Amino acid sequence: MLCSKCQSNDTRVLDSRETDGHKAVRRRRECQACKHRFTTFERVENVKFLVVKKDGSREGYDRDKVEKGIWKACQKRKVTHDQIHKLILELEEKWTNLGKEIPSKMIGEGIMDALRELDDVAYIRFASVYRQFKDIDTFKKELQKLDKGV
C-alpha cells in the first residue's frame, strides 16, 4: 500500500478491524519512511452495473462520481464521513438489487431522497444542480415542498 503522503510502498499495518457489519476491513497503517499514519478500507467489490443515461448511452457505475457529488452538496455542513459512507452503501445495495442496468434518473432521485433525510441544505444544493433550477422561483417551490414535508 502506498503512503498517502510520500508515496513510499514501505508501510505496515498497525491495527485491523471489521466495519460496516462485517462487510469491510478498516486498517490503520504507518509509513516506515516518513512515519505518516493513515487509514485504508478493504471491501468486496460487488457494485457492477451500468448506468443508462438520458440519451440512452451506457457507462459503468462510478462510485467516486457519486461520492464527489454528495460531498459537494454537503460542503460546510455537519455531515460526517460515516454518514456519507453509510448512505452510499445503502444506495448501492438498493441499486445492485434492481438489475444490471440502472437509469441515471433513479440514481439521482435516490441520492436526493437520501440527502433529504440527512440534511435539508445538502438536499437543496444537490437538487438545484440535478434538476437544473433556472431561477429563484424554482428554488422557492422546492423549499415550500421541503417545508411541507412533501
N, C-alpha and C. Protein backbone atom coordinates (compact mmCIF):
# COMPACT_ATOMS: atom_id res chain seq x y z
N MET A 1 0.86 -1.18 0.00
CA MET A 1 0.00 0.00 0.00
C MET A 1 0.90 1.23 0.00
N LEU A 2 0.62 2.17 -0.89
CA LEU A 2 1.41 3.39 -0.98
C LEU A 2 1.01 4.37 0.13
N CYS A 3 2.01 5.03 0.69
CA CYS A 3 1.77 6.07 1.69
C CYS A 3 1.06 7.23 1.01
N SER A 4 0.04 7.75 1.66
CA SER A 4 -0.73 8.86 1.07
C SER A 4 0.03 10.18 1.12
N LYS A 5 1.12 10.22 1.87
CA LYS A 5 1.90 11.45 1.98
C LYS A 5 3.14 11.44 1.09
N CYS A 6 3.97 10.40 1.21
CA CYS A 6 5.25 10.39 0.47
C CYS A 6 5.30 9.37 -0.67
N GLN A 7 4.25 8.58 -0.83
CA GLN A 7 4.12 7.58 -1.89
C GLN A 7 5.07 6.39 -1.75
N SER A 8 5.69 6.22 -0.60
CA SER A 8 6.53 5.06 -0.35
C SER A 8 5.64 3.83 -0.25
N ASN A 9 6.16 2.67 -0.68
CA ASN A 9 5.34 1.46 -0.56
C ASN A 9 5.76 0.62 0.64
N ASP A 10 6.57 1.21 1.52
CA ASP A 10 7.02 0.53 2.73
C ASP A 10 6.12 0.96 3.90
N THR A 11 4.95 0.33 3.98
CA THR A 11 4.01 0.65 5.05
C THR A 11 3.71 -0.61 5.84
N ARG A 12 3.28 -0.42 7.07
CA ARG A 12 2.90 -1.59 7.88
C ARG A 12 1.54 -1.34 8.51
N VAL A 13 0.84 -2.43 8.77
CA VAL A 13 -0.49 -2.37 9.37
C VAL A 13 -0.34 -2.32 10.88
N LEU A 14 -0.94 -1.32 11.51
CA LEU A 14 -0.90 -1.17 12.97
C LEU A 14 -2.10 -1.85 13.62
N ASP A 15 -3.26 -1.77 12.93
CA ASP A 15 -4.50 -2.28 13.50
C ASP A 15 -5.46 -2.63 12.38
N SER A 16 -6.18 -3.73 12.53
CA SER A 16 -7.23 -4.12 11.58
C SER A 16 -8.48 -4.45 12.34
N ARG A 17 -9.62 -4.02 11.80
CA ARG A 17 -10.89 -4.40 12.41
C ARG A 17 -11.98 -4.38 11.36
N GLU A 18 -12.98 -5.22 11.59
CA GLU A 18 -14.11 -5.27 10.66
C GLU A 18 -15.02 -4.08 10.91
N THR A 19 -15.66 -3.62 9.85
CA THR A 19 -16.56 -2.48 9.95
C THR A 19 -17.72 -2.69 8.98
N ASP A 20 -18.69 -1.82 8.99
CA ASP A 20 -19.86 -1.90 8.10
C ASP A 20 -20.55 -3.26 8.19
N GLY A 21 -20.74 -3.73 9.41
CA GLY A 21 -21.44 -5.00 9.60
C GLY A 21 -20.70 -6.17 8.97
N HIS A 22 -19.40 -6.23 9.14
CA HIS A 22 -18.54 -7.29 8.62
C HIS A 22 -18.43 -7.28 7.09
N LYS A 23 -18.73 -6.15 6.47
CA LYS A 23 -18.66 -6.04 5.02
C LYS A 23 -17.35 -5.39 4.55
N ALA A 24 -16.56 -4.87 5.50
CA ALA A 24 -15.31 -4.21 5.14
C ALA A 24 -14.30 -4.37 6.26
N VAL A 25 -13.03 -4.17 5.92
CA VAL A 25 -11.96 -4.20 6.91
C VAL A 25 -11.30 -2.83 6.92
N ARG A 26 -11.22 -2.25 8.11
CA ARG A 26 -10.56 -0.95 8.29
C ARG A 26 -9.16 -1.24 8.79
N ARG A 27 -8.15 -0.67 8.11
CA ARG A 27 -6.77 -0.89 8.53
C ARG A 27 -6.09 0.44 8.83
N ARG A 28 -5.46 0.52 9.98
CA ARG A 28 -4.66 1.68 10.36
C ARG A 28 -3.24 1.35 9.96
N ARG A 29 -2.60 2.21 9.17
CA ARG A 29 -1.27 1.94 8.64
C ARG A 29 -0.30 3.04 9.02
N GLU A 30 1.00 2.68 8.98
CA GLU A 30 2.05 3.66 9.22
C GLU A 30 3.13 3.47 8.16
N CYS A 31 3.57 4.58 7.58
CA CYS A 31 4.64 4.57 6.59
C CYS A 31 5.96 4.43 7.34
N GLN A 32 6.79 3.50 6.92
CA GLN A 32 8.08 3.29 7.56
C GLN A 32 9.08 4.39 7.17
N ALA A 33 8.85 5.03 6.03
CA ALA A 33 9.77 6.08 5.56
C ALA A 33 9.54 7.41 6.26
N CYS A 34 8.27 7.88 6.31
CA CYS A 34 8.00 9.23 6.85
C CYS A 34 7.19 9.20 8.15
N LYS A 35 6.80 8.01 8.61
CA LYS A 35 6.03 7.82 9.86
C LYS A 35 4.61 8.38 9.81
N HIS A 36 4.12 8.74 8.61
CA HIS A 36 2.75 9.22 8.45
C HIS A 36 1.79 8.06 8.71
N ARG A 37 0.70 8.34 9.44
CA ARG A 37 -0.31 7.32 9.69
C ARG A 37 -1.56 7.63 8.88
N PHE A 38 -2.19 6.59 8.34
CA PHE A 38 -3.38 6.76 7.53
C PHE A 38 -4.25 5.52 7.62
N THR A 39 -5.49 5.66 7.18
CA THR A 39 -6.46 4.57 7.25
C THR A 39 -6.84 4.11 5.85
N THR A 40 -6.96 2.81 5.68
CA THR A 40 -7.45 2.26 4.42
C THR A 40 -8.64 1.35 4.72
N PHE A 41 -9.47 1.16 3.71
CA PHE A 41 -10.62 0.27 3.84
C PHE A 41 -10.54 -0.77 2.73
N GLU A 42 -10.86 -1.99 3.07
CA GLU A 42 -10.88 -3.08 2.12
C GLU A 42 -12.28 -3.67 2.12
N ARG A 43 -12.89 -3.75 0.93
CA ARG A 43 -14.24 -4.30 0.85
C ARG A 43 -14.38 -5.07 -0.45
N VAL A 44 -15.32 -5.98 -0.46
CA VAL A 44 -15.62 -6.74 -1.67
C VAL A 44 -16.24 -5.80 -2.68
N GLU A 45 -15.74 -5.84 -3.89
CA GLU A 45 -16.30 -5.00 -4.95
C GLU A 45 -17.43 -5.77 -5.62
N ASN A 46 -18.65 -5.38 -5.27
CA ASN A 46 -19.80 -6.09 -5.82
C ASN A 46 -20.76 -5.16 -6.57
N VAL A 47 -20.38 -3.91 -6.70
CA VAL A 47 -21.23 -2.96 -7.40
C VAL A 47 -20.83 -2.97 -8.88
N LYS A 48 -21.51 -3.79 -9.63
CA LYS A 48 -21.20 -3.94 -11.05
C LYS A 48 -22.49 -3.78 -11.83
N PHE A 49 -22.80 -2.56 -12.20
CA PHE A 49 -23.95 -2.34 -13.05
C PHE A 49 -23.67 -1.16 -13.96
N LEU A 50 -24.48 -1.06 -14.99
CA LEU A 50 -24.34 0.04 -15.94
C LEU A 50 -25.37 1.12 -15.63
N VAL A 51 -24.97 2.35 -15.86
CA VAL A 51 -25.87 3.48 -15.70
C VAL A 51 -26.37 3.85 -17.09
N VAL A 52 -27.69 3.89 -17.25
CA VAL A 52 -28.29 4.26 -18.52
C VAL A 52 -28.60 5.76 -18.46
N LYS A 53 -27.88 6.53 -19.29
CA LYS A 53 -28.00 7.99 -19.29
C LYS A 53 -29.28 8.42 -20.01
N LYS A 54 -29.63 9.70 -19.88
CA LYS A 54 -30.84 10.24 -20.52
C LYS A 54 -30.84 10.04 -22.03
N ASP A 55 -29.67 10.13 -22.64
CA ASP A 55 -29.59 9.99 -24.10
C ASP A 55 -29.54 8.53 -24.56
N GLY A 56 -29.64 7.59 -23.61
CA GLY A 56 -29.64 6.17 -23.94
C GLY A 56 -28.26 5.52 -23.90
N SER A 57 -27.22 6.33 -23.78
CA SER A 57 -25.87 5.75 -23.69
C SER A 57 -25.68 5.09 -22.33
N ARG A 58 -24.71 4.21 -22.26
CA ARG A 58 -24.45 3.47 -21.03
C ARG A 58 -23.00 3.65 -20.61
N GLU A 59 -22.80 3.71 -19.30
CA GLU A 59 -21.45 3.76 -18.76
C GLU A 59 -21.42 3.00 -17.45
N GLY A 60 -20.26 2.51 -17.08
CA GLY A 60 -20.12 1.78 -15.82
C GLY A 60 -20.38 2.69 -14.63
N TYR A 61 -20.96 2.12 -13.59
CA TYR A 61 -21.21 2.88 -12.36
C TYR A 61 -19.87 3.33 -11.78
N ASP A 62 -19.81 4.59 -11.36
CA ASP A 62 -18.60 5.18 -10.81
C ASP A 62 -18.90 5.71 -9.41
N ARG A 63 -18.49 4.96 -8.41
CA ARG A 63 -18.75 5.33 -7.02
C ARG A 63 -18.13 6.69 -6.69
N ASP A 64 -16.93 6.96 -7.20
CA ASP A 64 -16.25 8.23 -6.91
C ASP A 64 -17.08 9.42 -7.40
N LYS A 65 -17.70 9.25 -8.54
CA LYS A 65 -18.52 10.33 -9.11
C LYS A 65 -19.71 10.64 -8.18
N VAL A 66 -20.35 9.60 -7.69
CA VAL A 66 -21.49 9.75 -6.77
C VAL A 66 -21.01 10.39 -5.47
N GLU A 67 -19.90 9.89 -4.93
CA GLU A 67 -19.39 10.40 -3.66
C GLU A 67 -18.98 11.87 -3.77
N LYS A 68 -18.34 12.25 -4.86
CA LYS A 68 -17.95 13.65 -5.05
C LYS A 68 -19.16 14.57 -5.10
N GLY A 69 -20.21 14.14 -5.79
CA GLY A 69 -21.43 14.93 -5.88
C GLY A 69 -22.09 15.11 -4.53
N ILE A 70 -22.10 14.05 -3.74
CA ILE A 70 -22.70 14.12 -2.41
C ILE A 70 -21.87 15.02 -1.50
N TRP A 71 -20.55 14.87 -1.54
CA TRP A 71 -19.69 15.71 -0.72
C TRP A 71 -19.81 17.18 -1.10
N LYS A 72 -19.95 17.45 -2.38
CA LYS A 72 -20.11 18.84 -2.83
C LYS A 72 -21.38 19.44 -2.21
N ALA A 73 -22.45 18.66 -2.21
CA ALA A 73 -23.71 19.14 -1.63
C ALA A 73 -23.61 19.31 -0.11
N CYS A 74 -22.78 18.51 0.53
CA CYS A 74 -22.66 18.53 1.99
C CYS A 74 -21.54 19.44 2.49
N GLN A 75 -20.91 20.14 1.58
CA GLN A 75 -19.79 21.00 1.94
C GLN A 75 -20.20 22.00 3.03
N LYS A 76 -19.38 22.10 4.06
CA LYS A 76 -19.58 23.01 5.19
C LYS A 76 -20.87 22.73 5.97
N ARG A 77 -21.33 21.50 5.91
CA ARG A 77 -22.49 21.06 6.69
C ARG A 77 -21.99 20.09 7.77
N LYS A 78 -22.79 19.88 8.79
CA LYS A 78 -22.39 18.96 9.87
C LYS A 78 -22.76 17.53 9.50
N VAL A 79 -22.13 17.06 8.45
CA VAL A 79 -22.34 15.71 7.96
C VAL A 79 -21.01 14.99 8.06
N THR A 80 -21.02 13.80 8.65
CA THR A 80 -19.77 13.07 8.88
C THR A 80 -19.44 12.13 7.72
N HIS A 81 -18.20 11.73 7.69
CA HIS A 81 -17.75 10.76 6.69
C HIS A 81 -18.53 9.46 6.84
N ASP A 82 -18.75 9.04 8.07
CA ASP A 82 -19.50 7.79 8.31
C ASP A 82 -20.93 7.88 7.78
N GLN A 83 -21.58 9.04 7.93
CA GLN A 83 -22.94 9.21 7.42
C GLN A 83 -22.97 9.08 5.89
N ILE A 84 -22.02 9.72 5.23
CA ILE A 84 -21.94 9.65 3.76
C ILE A 84 -21.63 8.22 3.33
N HIS A 85 -20.69 7.59 4.00
CA HIS A 85 -20.29 6.23 3.65
C HIS A 85 -21.49 5.28 3.77
N LYS A 86 -22.23 5.39 4.87
CA LYS A 86 -23.40 4.54 5.09
C LYS A 86 -24.48 4.82 4.03
N LEU A 87 -24.70 6.09 3.73
CA LEU A 87 -25.68 6.49 2.73
C LEU A 87 -25.36 5.85 1.37
N ILE A 88 -24.09 5.93 0.96
CA ILE A 88 -23.69 5.37 -0.33
C ILE A 88 -23.83 3.85 -0.33
N LEU A 89 -23.41 3.20 0.75
CA LEU A 89 -23.54 1.74 0.83
C LEU A 89 -24.99 1.30 0.69
N GLU A 90 -25.89 1.99 1.38
CA GLU A 90 -27.31 1.64 1.31
C GLU A 90 -27.87 1.85 -0.09
N LEU A 91 -27.49 2.97 -0.72
CA LEU A 91 -27.96 3.23 -2.09
C LEU A 91 -27.42 2.19 -3.06
N GLU A 92 -26.13 1.87 -2.95
CA GLU A 92 -25.54 0.89 -3.86
C GLU A 92 -26.18 -0.48 -3.72
N GLU A 93 -26.48 -0.86 -2.49
CA GLU A 93 -27.13 -2.15 -2.27
C GLU A 93 -28.51 -2.16 -2.94
N LYS A 94 -29.24 -1.06 -2.79
CA LYS A 94 -30.57 -0.93 -3.40
C LYS A 94 -30.46 -1.00 -4.93
N TRP A 95 -29.51 -0.24 -5.50
CA TRP A 95 -29.36 -0.20 -6.96
C TRP A 95 -28.90 -1.55 -7.51
N THR A 96 -27.99 -2.21 -6.80
CA THR A 96 -27.48 -3.51 -7.26
C THR A 96 -28.61 -4.53 -7.34
N ASN A 97 -29.55 -4.45 -6.40
CA ASN A 97 -30.66 -5.40 -6.38
C ASN A 97 -31.67 -5.14 -7.49
N LEU A 98 -31.57 -4.00 -8.16
CA LEU A 98 -32.53 -3.67 -9.22
C LEU A 98 -32.15 -4.25 -10.59
N GLY A 99 -30.93 -4.73 -10.74
CA GLY A 99 -30.54 -5.33 -12.00
C GLY A 99 -29.19 -4.85 -12.50
N LYS A 100 -28.92 -5.16 -13.75
CA LYS A 100 -27.61 -4.87 -14.35
C LYS A 100 -27.54 -3.48 -14.98
N GLU A 101 -28.70 -2.88 -15.27
CA GLU A 101 -28.74 -1.54 -15.85
C GLU A 101 -29.71 -0.67 -15.05
N ILE A 102 -29.19 0.46 -14.58
CA ILE A 102 -29.99 1.36 -13.74
C ILE A 102 -30.07 2.72 -14.43
N PRO A 103 -31.26 3.26 -14.61
CA PRO A 103 -31.39 4.59 -15.21
C PRO A 103 -30.74 5.66 -14.32
N SER A 104 -30.07 6.62 -14.94
CA SER A 104 -29.42 7.69 -14.18
C SER A 104 -30.44 8.47 -13.35
N LYS A 105 -31.65 8.56 -13.86
CA LYS A 105 -32.71 9.25 -13.11
C LYS A 105 -32.96 8.58 -11.76
N MET A 106 -32.94 7.26 -11.74
CA MET A 106 -33.16 6.52 -10.50
C MET A 106 -32.02 6.79 -9.51
N ILE A 107 -30.81 6.91 -10.01
CA ILE A 107 -29.66 7.19 -9.16
C ILE A 107 -29.77 8.61 -8.59
N GLY A 108 -30.06 9.59 -9.44
CA GLY A 108 -30.21 10.97 -8.99
C GLY A 108 -31.32 11.13 -7.97
N GLU A 109 -32.47 10.51 -8.24
CA GLU A 109 -33.61 10.60 -7.33
C GLU A 109 -33.29 9.91 -6.00
N GLY A 110 -32.58 8.78 -6.07
CA GLY A 110 -32.19 8.06 -4.85
C GLY A 110 -31.28 8.90 -3.97
N ILE A 111 -30.33 9.57 -4.60
CA ILE A 111 -29.42 10.44 -3.85
C ILE A 111 -30.20 11.59 -3.22
N MET A 112 -31.10 12.19 -3.99
CA MET A 112 -31.89 13.31 -3.45
C MET A 112 -32.73 12.86 -2.26
N ASP A 113 -33.39 11.71 -2.36
CA ASP A 113 -34.21 11.21 -1.26
C ASP A 113 -33.36 10.98 0.00
N ALA A 114 -32.17 10.39 -0.20
CA ALA A 114 -31.29 10.12 0.94
C ALA A 114 -30.79 11.42 1.56
N LEU A 115 -30.44 12.40 0.73
CA LEU A 115 -29.97 13.68 1.25
C LEU A 115 -31.08 14.44 1.96
N ARG A 116 -32.32 14.29 1.49
CA ARG A 116 -33.45 14.95 2.15
C ARG A 116 -33.55 14.47 3.60
N GLU A 117 -33.30 13.18 3.82
CA GLU A 117 -33.34 12.62 5.17
C GLU A 117 -32.14 13.05 6.00
N LEU A 118 -31.01 13.26 5.34
CA LEU A 118 -29.76 13.55 6.04
C LEU A 118 -29.61 15.03 6.39
N ASP A 119 -29.83 15.92 5.41
CA ASP A 119 -29.58 17.35 5.62
C ASP A 119 -30.34 18.16 4.57
N ASP A 120 -31.23 19.05 5.02
CA ASP A 120 -32.06 19.82 4.10
C ASP A 120 -31.26 20.69 3.15
N VAL A 121 -30.22 21.33 3.66
CA VAL A 121 -29.41 22.23 2.81
C VAL A 121 -28.67 21.42 1.75
N ALA A 122 -28.11 20.28 2.14
CA ALA A 122 -27.42 19.42 1.17
C ALA A 122 -28.40 18.95 0.09
N TYR A 123 -29.62 18.62 0.52
CA TYR A 123 -30.65 18.21 -0.44
C TYR A 123 -30.92 19.31 -1.46
N ILE A 124 -31.14 20.54 -0.97
CA ILE A 124 -31.43 21.67 -1.88
C ILE A 124 -30.26 21.92 -2.82
N ARG A 125 -29.04 21.86 -2.29
CA ARG A 125 -27.87 22.06 -3.15
C ARG A 125 -27.81 21.01 -4.26
N PHE A 126 -27.99 19.75 -3.89
CA PHE A 126 -27.93 18.68 -4.88
C PHE A 126 -29.07 18.81 -5.88
N ALA A 127 -30.27 19.06 -5.38
CA ALA A 127 -31.45 19.18 -6.24
C ALA A 127 -31.30 20.34 -7.23
N SER A 128 -30.71 21.43 -6.78
CA SER A 128 -30.57 22.59 -7.66
C SER A 128 -29.69 22.28 -8.86
N VAL A 129 -28.68 21.46 -8.66
CA VAL A 129 -27.81 21.07 -9.78
C VAL A 129 -28.47 19.95 -10.58
N TYR A 130 -28.97 18.93 -9.89
CA TYR A 130 -29.55 17.78 -10.57
C TYR A 130 -30.76 18.17 -11.41
N ARG A 131 -31.63 18.98 -10.85
CA ARG A 131 -32.84 19.39 -11.58
C ARG A 131 -32.64 20.67 -12.39
N GLN A 132 -31.45 21.20 -12.36
CA GLN A 132 -31.08 22.38 -13.15
C GLN A 132 -32.04 23.55 -12.92
N PHE A 133 -32.16 23.96 -11.64
CA PHE A 133 -33.00 25.10 -11.32
C PHE A 133 -32.58 26.30 -12.14
N LYS A 134 -33.54 26.97 -12.76
CA LYS A 134 -33.25 28.08 -13.67
C LYS A 134 -33.39 29.45 -13.01
N ASP A 135 -34.24 29.53 -11.96
CA ASP A 135 -34.49 30.83 -11.35
C ASP A 135 -34.87 30.66 -9.89
N ILE A 136 -35.05 31.78 -9.22
CA ILE A 136 -35.37 31.79 -7.79
C ILE A 136 -36.73 31.17 -7.50
N ASP A 137 -37.66 31.27 -8.42
CA ASP A 137 -38.99 30.68 -8.21
C ASP A 137 -38.92 29.17 -8.07
N THR A 138 -38.04 28.55 -8.84
CA THR A 138 -37.88 27.11 -8.75
C THR A 138 -37.34 26.73 -7.36
N PHE A 139 -36.38 27.51 -6.87
CA PHE A 139 -35.87 27.29 -5.52
C PHE A 139 -37.00 27.43 -4.50
N LYS A 140 -37.78 28.48 -4.61
CA LYS A 140 -38.88 28.72 -3.67
C LYS A 140 -39.85 27.55 -3.63
N LYS A 141 -40.21 27.05 -4.82
CA LYS A 141 -41.16 25.93 -4.89
C LYS A 141 -40.58 24.70 -4.18
N GLU A 142 -39.31 24.45 -4.41
CA GLU A 142 -38.68 23.28 -3.78
C GLU A 142 -38.58 23.46 -2.27
N LEU A 143 -38.27 24.67 -1.82
CA LEU A 143 -38.22 24.95 -0.39
C LEU A 143 -39.59 24.80 0.26
N GLN A 144 -40.64 25.23 -0.46
CA GLN A 144 -42.00 25.07 0.07
C GLN A 144 -42.36 23.59 0.22
N LYS A 145 -41.97 22.78 -0.76
CA LYS A 145 -42.23 21.34 -0.68
C LYS A 145 -41.50 20.75 0.53
N LEU A 146 -40.26 21.18 0.72
CA LEU A 146 -39.46 20.69 1.83
C LEU A 146 -40.08 21.11 3.15
N ASP A 147 -40.54 22.34 3.21
CA ASP A 147 -41.14 22.87 4.44
C ASP A 147 -42.44 22.13 4.79
N LYS A 148 -43.19 21.72 3.78
CA LYS A 148 -44.44 21.00 4.00
C LYS A 148 -44.23 19.51 4.24
N GLY A 149 -42.98 19.05 4.00
CA GLY A 149 -42.67 17.62 4.21
C GLY A 149 -43.13 16.75 3.08
N VAL A 150 -43.25 17.32 1.87
CA VAL A 150 -43.70 16.54 0.72
C VAL A 150 -42.58 15.71 0.18
